[in-house]
């Protein structure tokens, strides 16, 4: 599967929710996915007041969005990394 890249017009939470749900419906396990976000997108996701408390978590130094591990920074554009 190809990585899913966000569009600058849509908030990261919306774009990646759709991408995660699409991958899940195709049988991809959320534990096998990684969200690699720009620092800006990670900041937007952390401050998104429309997200339910259960959508985003911070535990043991790991951020997760909808059960998918988030890596922050080190990329030019955010993407959902799927297993090969």
N, C-alpha and C. Protein backbone atom coordinates (compact mmCIF):
# COMPACT_ATOMS: atom_id res chain seq x y z
N UNK A 1 0.84 -1.18 0.00
CA UNK A 1 0.00 0.00 0.00
C UNK A 1 0.88 1.24 0.00
N UNK A 2 0.43 2.26 -0.70
CA UNK A 2 1.17 3.51 -0.77
C UNK A 2 0.88 4.35 0.47
N UNK A 3 1.86 5.19 0.90
CA UNK A 3 1.61 6.09 2.02
C UNK A 3 0.53 7.09 1.65
N UNK A 4 -0.23 7.52 2.65
CA UNK A 4 -1.28 8.52 2.45
C UNK A 4 -0.75 9.85 2.94
N UNK A 5 -0.79 10.85 2.09
CA UNK A 5 -0.28 12.17 2.43
C UNK A 5 -1.46 13.11 2.61
N UNK A 6 -1.39 13.97 3.63
CA UNK A 6 -2.49 14.89 3.89
C UNK A 6 -2.49 16.02 2.87
N UNK A 7 -3.63 16.61 2.72
CA UNK A 7 -3.78 17.82 1.92
C UNK A 7 -3.74 19.00 2.88
N UNK A 8 -3.09 20.05 2.49
CA UNK A 8 -2.98 21.22 3.35
C UNK A 8 -4.33 21.88 3.60
N UNK A 9 -5.34 21.55 2.82
CA UNK A 9 -6.65 22.18 2.97
C UNK A 9 -7.48 21.56 4.09
N UNK A 10 -7.11 20.37 4.50
CA UNK A 10 -7.92 19.66 5.50
C UNK A 10 -7.14 19.49 6.79
N UNK A 11 -7.80 19.61 7.92
CA UNK A 11 -7.12 19.37 9.19
C UNK A 11 -6.58 17.94 9.24
N UNK A 12 -5.42 17.74 9.87
CA UNK A 12 -4.84 16.41 9.94
C UNK A 12 -5.77 15.37 10.55
N UNK A 13 -6.55 15.75 11.55
CA UNK A 13 -7.45 14.79 12.20
C UNK A 13 -8.45 14.21 11.21
N UNK A 14 -8.98 15.03 10.35
CA UNK A 14 -9.98 14.56 9.38
C UNK A 14 -9.33 13.70 8.31
N UNK A 15 -8.24 14.19 7.73
CA UNK A 15 -7.57 13.46 6.66
C UNK A 15 -7.07 12.10 7.15
N UNK A 16 -6.44 12.07 8.31
CA UNK A 16 -5.88 10.81 8.78
C UNK A 16 -6.92 9.88 9.38
N UNK A 17 -8.00 10.41 9.90
CA UNK A 17 -9.10 9.54 10.35
C UNK A 17 -9.61 8.73 9.15
N UNK A 18 -9.84 9.42 8.04
CA UNK A 18 -10.32 8.73 6.83
C UNK A 18 -9.31 7.71 6.33
N UNK A 19 -8.02 8.08 6.33
CA UNK A 19 -6.98 7.17 5.85
C UNK A 19 -6.86 5.94 6.75
N UNK A 20 -6.93 6.14 8.06
CA UNK A 20 -6.83 5.03 9.02
C UNK A 20 -8.03 4.12 8.87
N UNK A 21 -9.22 4.71 8.79
CA UNK A 21 -10.43 3.89 8.64
C UNK A 21 -10.43 3.12 7.33
N UNK A 22 -9.93 3.72 6.27
CA UNK A 22 -9.83 3.05 4.97
C UNK A 22 -8.87 1.86 5.05
N UNK A 23 -7.71 2.08 5.64
CA UNK A 23 -6.73 0.99 5.78
C UNK A 23 -7.26 -0.12 6.67
N UNK A 24 -7.95 0.25 7.75
CA UNK A 24 -8.53 -0.74 8.65
C UNK A 24 -9.58 -1.57 7.93
N UNK A 25 -10.39 -0.92 7.09
CA UNK A 25 -11.43 -1.65 6.35
C UNK A 25 -10.82 -2.61 5.32
N UNK A 26 -9.56 -2.37 4.95
CA UNK A 26 -8.86 -3.25 4.03
C UNK A 26 -8.08 -4.33 4.76
N UNK A 27 -8.25 -4.38 6.09
CA UNK A 27 -7.63 -5.44 6.88
C UNK A 27 -6.29 -5.11 7.51
N UNK A 28 -5.84 -3.84 7.42
CA UNK A 28 -4.56 -3.46 8.01
C UNK A 28 -4.77 -3.22 9.50
N UNK A 29 -3.93 -3.83 10.31
CA UNK A 29 -3.99 -3.68 11.77
C UNK A 29 -3.45 -2.31 12.17
N UNK A 30 -4.13 -1.62 13.05
CA UNK A 30 -3.70 -0.30 13.51
C UNK A 30 -2.33 -0.33 14.16
N UNK A 31 -1.98 -1.45 14.79
CA UNK A 31 -0.65 -1.56 15.41
C UNK A 31 0.45 -1.61 14.36
N UNK A 32 0.12 -1.94 13.12
CA UNK A 32 1.10 -2.02 12.04
C UNK A 32 1.26 -0.69 11.30
N UNK A 33 0.40 0.27 11.59
CA UNK A 33 0.46 1.59 10.94
C UNK A 33 1.26 2.56 11.81
N UNK A 34 1.83 3.58 11.16
CA UNK A 34 2.50 4.67 11.86
C UNK A 34 2.12 5.97 11.18
N UNK A 35 1.77 6.95 11.98
CA UNK A 35 1.52 8.30 11.48
C UNK A 35 2.81 9.09 11.66
N UNK A 36 3.44 9.49 10.58
CA UNK A 36 4.65 10.30 10.66
C UNK A 36 4.24 11.72 10.30
N UNK A 37 4.17 12.58 11.31
CA UNK A 37 3.63 13.93 11.15
C UNK A 37 4.71 14.99 11.20
N UNK A 38 4.49 16.05 10.43
CA UNK A 38 5.33 17.24 10.58
C UNK A 38 5.06 17.80 11.97
N UNK A 39 5.96 18.61 12.45
CA UNK A 39 5.73 19.22 13.77
C UNK A 39 4.47 20.09 13.76
N UNK A 40 4.23 20.76 12.65
CA UNK A 40 3.04 21.62 12.55
C UNK A 40 1.76 20.78 12.62
N UNK A 41 1.70 19.67 11.87
CA UNK A 41 0.51 18.82 11.90
C UNK A 41 0.33 18.17 13.27
N UNK A 42 1.43 17.78 13.89
CA UNK A 42 1.33 17.20 15.24
C UNK A 42 0.77 18.23 16.21
N UNK A 43 1.21 19.46 16.09
CA UNK A 43 0.71 20.53 16.95
C UNK A 43 -0.78 20.75 16.72
N UNK A 44 -1.19 20.78 15.44
CA UNK A 44 -2.61 20.95 15.13
C UNK A 44 -3.43 19.80 15.70
N UNK A 45 -2.92 18.60 15.59
CA UNK A 45 -3.64 17.43 16.12
C UNK A 45 -3.78 17.51 17.63
N UNK A 46 -2.71 17.89 18.31
CA UNK A 46 -2.73 18.00 19.78
C UNK A 46 -3.71 19.07 20.26
N UNK A 47 -3.89 20.13 19.46
CA UNK A 47 -4.74 21.25 19.88
C UNK A 47 -6.14 21.21 19.31
N UNK A 48 -6.47 20.14 18.58
CA UNK A 48 -7.77 20.04 17.92
C UNK A 48 -8.86 19.82 18.96
N UNK A 49 -9.65 20.85 19.18
CA UNK A 49 -10.71 20.80 20.18
C UNK A 49 -11.92 19.96 19.78
N UNK A 50 -11.96 19.53 18.53
CA UNK A 50 -13.10 18.72 18.07
C UNK A 50 -12.89 17.22 18.33
N UNK A 51 -11.67 16.83 18.69
CA UNK A 51 -11.39 15.41 18.92
C UNK A 51 -11.96 14.94 20.25
N UNK A 52 -12.46 13.73 20.25
CA UNK A 52 -12.91 13.11 21.50
C UNK A 52 -11.67 12.72 22.30
N UNK A 53 -11.80 12.70 23.60
CA UNK A 53 -10.70 12.32 24.47
C UNK A 53 -10.18 10.93 24.12
N UNK A 54 -11.05 10.07 23.67
CA UNK A 54 -10.64 8.70 23.34
C UNK A 54 -9.90 8.61 22.00
N UNK A 55 -9.92 9.67 21.19
CA UNK A 55 -9.26 9.65 19.87
C UNK A 55 -7.75 9.81 19.95
N UNK A 56 -7.28 10.51 20.96
CA UNK A 56 -5.85 10.81 21.06
C UNK A 56 -5.37 10.46 22.46
N UNK A 57 -4.19 9.85 22.53
CA UNK A 57 -3.68 9.47 23.86
C UNK A 57 -2.18 9.71 23.93
N UNK A 58 -1.74 9.92 25.15
CA UNK A 58 -0.32 10.11 25.45
C UNK A 58 -0.01 9.21 26.64
N UNK A 59 0.74 8.15 26.41
CA UNK A 59 1.08 7.22 27.49
C UNK A 59 2.48 6.69 27.27
N UNK A 60 3.25 6.65 28.34
CA UNK A 60 4.62 6.12 28.30
C UNK A 60 5.45 6.79 27.21
N UNK A 61 5.25 8.09 27.02
CA UNK A 61 6.02 8.85 26.04
C UNK A 61 5.62 8.62 24.60
N UNK A 62 4.48 7.94 24.38
CA UNK A 62 4.03 7.64 23.03
C UNK A 62 2.68 8.32 22.79
N UNK A 63 2.62 9.04 21.67
CA UNK A 63 1.35 9.66 21.26
C UNK A 63 0.68 8.71 20.28
N UNK A 64 -0.62 8.52 20.45
CA UNK A 64 -1.40 7.69 19.52
C UNK A 64 -2.64 8.46 19.09
N UNK A 65 -2.98 8.30 17.82
CA UNK A 65 -4.21 8.87 17.27
C UNK A 65 -5.02 7.71 16.72
N UNK A 66 -6.21 7.50 17.27
CA UNK A 66 -7.09 6.39 16.89
C UNK A 66 -6.37 5.05 16.99
N UNK A 67 -5.48 4.93 17.96
CA UNK A 67 -4.77 3.68 18.18
C UNK A 67 -3.53 3.50 17.32
N UNK A 68 -3.19 4.50 16.49
CA UNK A 68 -2.02 4.43 15.62
C UNK A 68 -0.90 5.28 16.23
N UNK A 69 0.29 4.70 16.33
CA UNK A 69 1.43 5.41 16.90
C UNK A 69 1.82 6.59 16.01
N UNK A 70 2.12 7.72 16.68
CA UNK A 70 2.49 8.94 15.98
C UNK A 70 3.98 9.21 16.19
N UNK A 71 4.69 9.47 15.09
CA UNK A 71 6.07 9.95 15.14
C UNK A 71 6.01 11.40 14.70
N UNK A 72 6.66 12.25 15.47
CA UNK A 72 6.58 13.69 15.21
C UNK A 72 7.89 14.23 14.67
N UNK A 73 7.81 14.97 13.58
CA UNK A 73 8.96 15.67 13.03
C UNK A 73 9.81 14.83 12.10
N UNK A 74 10.74 15.52 11.44
CA UNK A 74 11.68 14.85 10.56
C UNK A 74 11.16 14.56 9.16
N UNK A 75 9.98 15.09 8.82
CA UNK A 75 9.41 14.90 7.48
C UNK A 75 8.93 16.24 6.93
N UNK A 76 8.90 16.34 5.62
CA UNK A 76 8.44 17.55 4.95
C UNK A 76 6.92 17.57 4.88
N UNK A 77 6.32 16.39 4.68
CA UNK A 77 4.86 16.30 4.66
C UNK A 77 4.44 15.09 5.49
N UNK A 78 3.31 15.23 6.13
CA UNK A 78 2.80 14.16 6.99
C UNK A 78 2.28 13.01 6.15
N UNK A 79 2.44 11.79 6.67
CA UNK A 79 1.94 10.64 5.95
C UNK A 79 1.61 9.50 6.90
N UNK A 80 0.67 8.67 6.46
CA UNK A 80 0.33 7.44 7.17
C UNK A 80 1.15 6.34 6.53
N UNK A 81 2.00 5.71 7.31
CA UNK A 81 2.86 4.64 6.82
C UNK A 81 2.16 3.32 7.07
N UNK A 82 1.96 2.56 6.00
CA UNK A 82 1.30 1.25 6.09
C UNK A 82 2.33 0.15 5.85
N UNK A 83 2.08 -1.04 6.39
CA UNK A 83 3.02 -2.13 6.18
C UNK A 83 3.06 -2.51 4.70
N UNK A 84 4.18 -3.05 4.30
CA UNK A 84 4.34 -3.44 2.89
C UNK A 84 3.76 -4.80 2.62
